[in-house]
Amino acid sequence: MSEAVTITSARGQVMLGYLPGYYAPSRVMCSLMEAEGTELDLLQRALDETLTQFFVDTATWGLDRWESDLGIATDPSKPLDQRRSLVKSKLRGTGTVTVALMRSVAESFDNGAIEVTQQPSLYTVTIRFVDTVGRPPNLDDIKDALNAIVPAHLAVSYSFRYLTVNEVNGLTINQMQSHPLTDFAPFLDA
């Protein structure tokens, strides 16, 4: 007697379940369901992958299209999360410029809390990174995005959080070595 064909395809098993029971022992029918099911499994994976490109938070190869549509220069050397942040900030940065809009744009780049303070008499807005220690790695992108939406008569200054003496006192040598040097002392060109 011939050996039964095992159906490894998820869709092939489902399709075989739709057929009358007398097809289950048929090698021809099982081979057919395996072949068609494998193709349908691949099609479903491709459709799922394509669907993920429609959302900025899950897009990978589709980020090029998002950047192109928004007029952003594509830089494949940047990490995906920084490229996504730039796209999100561009999508958020429309409409009347308010403190909430500036915070939303800045937070799209930085995963921590952002404080935006206005000094109307000085024509200045200060962006303070509350949760991020040191300078964010994509600070230039944040500056570019905010400069694109903030009115030209307002100056934008940036305030960073650094490790305090009390925070450093509680760290072991290994923990201190895990922090970049920029977390301990401010840059002069902020």
Protein backbone atom coordinates (compact mmCIF):
# COMPACT_ATOMS: atom_id res chain seq x y z
CA MET A 1 0.00 0.00 0.00
CA SER A 2 1.26 3.51 -0.75
CA GLU A 3 2.30 5.98 1.90
CA ALA A 4 -0.06 8.88 2.73
CA VAL A 5 0.99 12.42 1.86
CA THR A 6 1.28 14.78 4.82
CA ILE A 7 -0.11 18.26 4.29
CA THR A 8 2.13 20.80 6.02
CA SER A 9 0.44 23.88 4.56
CA ALA A 10 -2.08 25.51 6.90
CA ARG A 11 -4.33 26.55 4.02
CA GLY A 12 -3.95 23.13 2.40
CA GLN A 13 -5.25 21.45 5.56
CA VAL A 14 -8.19 23.86 5.69
CA MET A 15 -9.03 23.24 2.02
CA LEU A 16 -8.86 19.45 2.49
CA GLY A 17 -11.29 19.86 5.40
CA TYR A 18 -13.82 21.41 3.00
CA LEU A 19 -13.78 18.31 0.78
CA PRO A 20 -15.72 15.10 1.39
CA GLY A 21 -13.94 12.68 3.72
CA TYR A 22 -13.20 10.10 1.03
CA TYR A 23 -10.59 12.48 -0.47
CA ALA A 24 -8.46 12.45 2.70
CA PRO A 25 -6.58 9.20 1.91
CA SER A 26 -6.04 10.18 -1.75
CA ARG A 27 -2.35 10.91 -2.47
CA VAL A 28 -3.31 12.89 -5.55
CA MET A 29 -5.78 15.09 -3.67
CA CYS A 30 -3.40 15.56 -0.70
CA SER A 31 -0.56 16.53 -3.07
CA LEU A 32 -2.85 18.97 -4.83
CA MET A 33 -4.01 20.53 -1.53
CA GLU A 34 -0.39 20.78 -0.34
CA ALA A 35 0.72 22.52 -3.55
CA GLU A 36 -2.22 24.92 -3.68
CA GLY A 37 -2.13 25.52 0.08
CA THR A 38 1.57 26.39 -0.03
CA GLU A 39 0.91 28.97 -2.75
CA LEU A 40 -1.98 30.42 -0.77
CA ASP A 41 0.18 30.55 2.38
CA LEU A 42 2.81 32.52 0.43
CA LEU A 43 0.15 34.82 -0.98
CA GLN A 44 -1.25 35.49 2.51
CA ARG A 45 2.23 36.29 3.85
CA ALA A 46 2.83 38.69 0.96
CA LEU A 47 -0.53 40.39 1.57
CA ASP A 48 0.18 40.70 5.29
CA GLU A 49 3.63 42.15 4.57
CA THR A 50 2.15 44.63 2.11
CA LEU A 51 -0.49 45.68 4.64
CA THR A 52 2.21 46.48 7.22
CA GLN A 53 3.67 49.04 4.79
CA PHE A 54 0.49 51.12 5.01
CA PHE A 55 1.25 52.03 8.64
CA VAL A 56 4.26 54.15 9.58
CA ASP A 57 4.95 52.21 12.79
CA THR A 58 5.31 48.89 10.95
CA ALA A 59 6.60 49.98 7.54
CA THR A 60 10.04 48.71 6.47
CA TRP A 61 10.63 48.70 2.71
CA GLY A 62 7.57 50.97 2.33
CA LEU A 63 9.24 53.82 4.24
CA ASP A 64 10.84 54.92 0.96
CA ARG A 65 7.36 55.59 -0.40
CA TRP A 66 6.23 57.44 2.74
CA GLU A 67 9.34 59.63 2.57
CA SER A 68 8.90 60.28 -1.14
CA ASP A 69 5.24 61.24 -0.73
CA LEU A 70 6.10 63.67 2.09
CA GLY A 71 9.12 65.20 0.34
CA ILE A 72 11.64 63.76 2.77
CA ALA A 73 15.09 62.80 1.50
CA THR A 74 15.53 59.05 1.97
CA ASP A 75 18.56 58.09 4.04
CA PRO A 76 18.82 54.27 4.22
CA SER A 77 21.78 54.55 6.59
CA LYS A 78 19.51 55.84 9.38
CA PRO A 79 17.84 53.31 11.67
CA LEU A 80 14.20 52.51 10.83
CA ASP A 81 12.90 54.05 14.06
CA GLN A 82 14.51 57.41 13.22
CA ARG A 83 13.13 57.32 9.67
CA ARG A 84 9.67 56.48 11.04
CA SER A 85 9.95 59.37 13.51
CA LEU A 86 10.70 61.79 10.70
CA VAL A 87 7.68 60.58 8.70
CA LYS A 88 5.40 60.81 11.76
CA SER A 89 6.59 64.33 12.54
CA LYS A 90 5.92 65.42 8.98
CA LEU A 91 2.41 63.95 9.15
CA ARG A 92 1.73 65.66 12.50
CA GLY A 93 3.28 68.99 11.59
CA THR A 94 0.37 70.54 9.75
CA GLY A 95 -2.10 73.18 10.85
CA THR A 96 -1.83 76.08 13.27
CA VAL A 97 1.36 75.92 15.27
CA THR A 98 0.54 75.49 18.95
CA VAL A 99 2.49 74.27 21.95
CA ALA A 100 0.63 70.96 21.64
CA LEU A 101 1.63 70.61 17.98
CA MET A 102 5.29 71.36 18.74
CA ARG A 103 5.22 68.80 21.59
CA SER A 104 3.58 66.23 19.32
CA VAL A 105 6.19 66.72 16.59
CA ALA A 106 9.10 66.54 19.07
CA GLU A 107 7.65 63.48 20.80
CA SER A 108 7.37 61.68 17.47
CA PHE A 109 11.18 61.60 17.46
CA ASP A 110 11.84 61.02 21.14
CA ASN A 111 10.19 58.23 23.13
CA GLY A 112 10.22 60.30 26.30
CA ALA A 113 8.23 63.24 27.56
CA ILE A 114 8.79 66.66 26.06
CA GLU A 115 8.04 70.02 27.68
CA VAL A 116 7.44 73.02 25.45
CA THR A 117 7.68 76.43 27.11
CA GLN A 118 6.91 79.73 25.43
CA GLN A 119 8.54 83.02 26.35
CA PRO A 120 6.41 85.43 24.28
CA SER A 121 8.25 88.55 25.40
CA LEU A 122 11.55 87.02 24.25
CA TYR A 123 10.05 85.47 21.09
CA THR A 124 11.49 82.12 22.19
CA VAL A 125 10.23 78.58 22.55
CA THR A 126 12.18 76.10 24.68
CA ILE A 127 11.99 72.37 23.98
CA ARG A 128 12.99 70.42 27.08
CA PHE A 129 13.67 66.68 26.96
CA VAL A 130 12.33 65.47 30.30
CA ASP A 131 12.92 61.69 30.15
CA THR A 132 15.82 61.43 27.71
CA VAL A 133 19.26 61.55 29.29
CA GLY A 134 21.77 63.45 27.15
CA ARG A 135 21.11 64.56 23.61
CA PRO A 136 18.74 62.47 21.48
CA PRO A 137 20.58 60.63 18.68
CA ASN A 138 18.41 62.26 16.01
CA LEU A 139 18.49 65.82 17.36
CA ASP A 140 19.18 67.26 13.91
CA ASP A 141 15.99 65.67 12.58
CA ILE A 142 14.02 67.12 15.51
CA LYS A 143 15.49 70.56 14.83
CA ASP A 144 14.69 70.34 11.11
CA ALA A 145 11.10 69.24 11.76
CA LEU A 146 10.47 71.99 14.30
CA ASN A 147 12.15 74.66 12.18
CA ALA A 148 9.79 73.67 9.37
CA ILE A 149 6.67 74.38 11.45
CA VAL A 150 7.65 77.08 13.99
CA PRO A 151 7.02 80.63 12.74
CA ALA A 152 10.18 82.39 11.60
CA HIS A 153 9.96 85.14 14.25
CA LEU A 154 10.34 82.60 17.08
CA ALA A 155 13.72 81.26 18.18
CA VAL A 156 13.80 77.65 19.34
CA SER A 157 16.16 76.61 22.10
CA TYR A 158 16.73 73.10 23.42
CA SER A 159 17.22 71.97 26.99
CA PHE A 160 18.64 68.55 27.84
CA ARG A 161 18.67 66.41 30.94
CA TYR A 162 21.99 65.01 32.14
CA LEU A 163 22.85 62.61 34.94
CA THR A 164 23.09 64.40 38.26
CA VAL A 165 25.71 63.77 40.93
CA ASN A 166 23.10 61.95 43.04
CA GLU A 167 22.22 59.67 40.11
CA VAL A 168 25.89 58.93 39.40
CA ASN A 169 26.58 58.15 43.09
CA GLY A 170 24.05 55.32 42.93
CA LEU A 171 25.63 53.66 39.86
CA THR A 172 28.15 50.83 39.79
CA ILE A 173 31.19 51.05 37.52
CA ASN A 174 29.54 48.70 34.99
CA GLN A 175 26.37 50.78 34.97
CA MET A 176 28.40 53.97 34.48
CA GLN A 177 30.28 52.39 31.57
CA SER A 178 26.97 51.54 29.86
CA HIS A 179 26.18 55.28 29.60
CA PRO A 180 27.83 57.32 26.84
CA LEU A 181 29.99 60.19 28.02
CA THR A 182 27.42 62.64 26.64
CA ASP A 183 25.00 61.60 29.41
CA PHE A 184 27.31 63.12 32.05
CA ALA A 185 28.22 66.54 30.70
CA PRO A 186 26.44 68.98 28.39
CA PHE A 187 27.72 69.97 24.99
CA LEU A 188 28.63 73.59 24.54
CA ASP A 189 26.83 73.86 21.20
CA ALA A 190 23.26 72.98 22.23
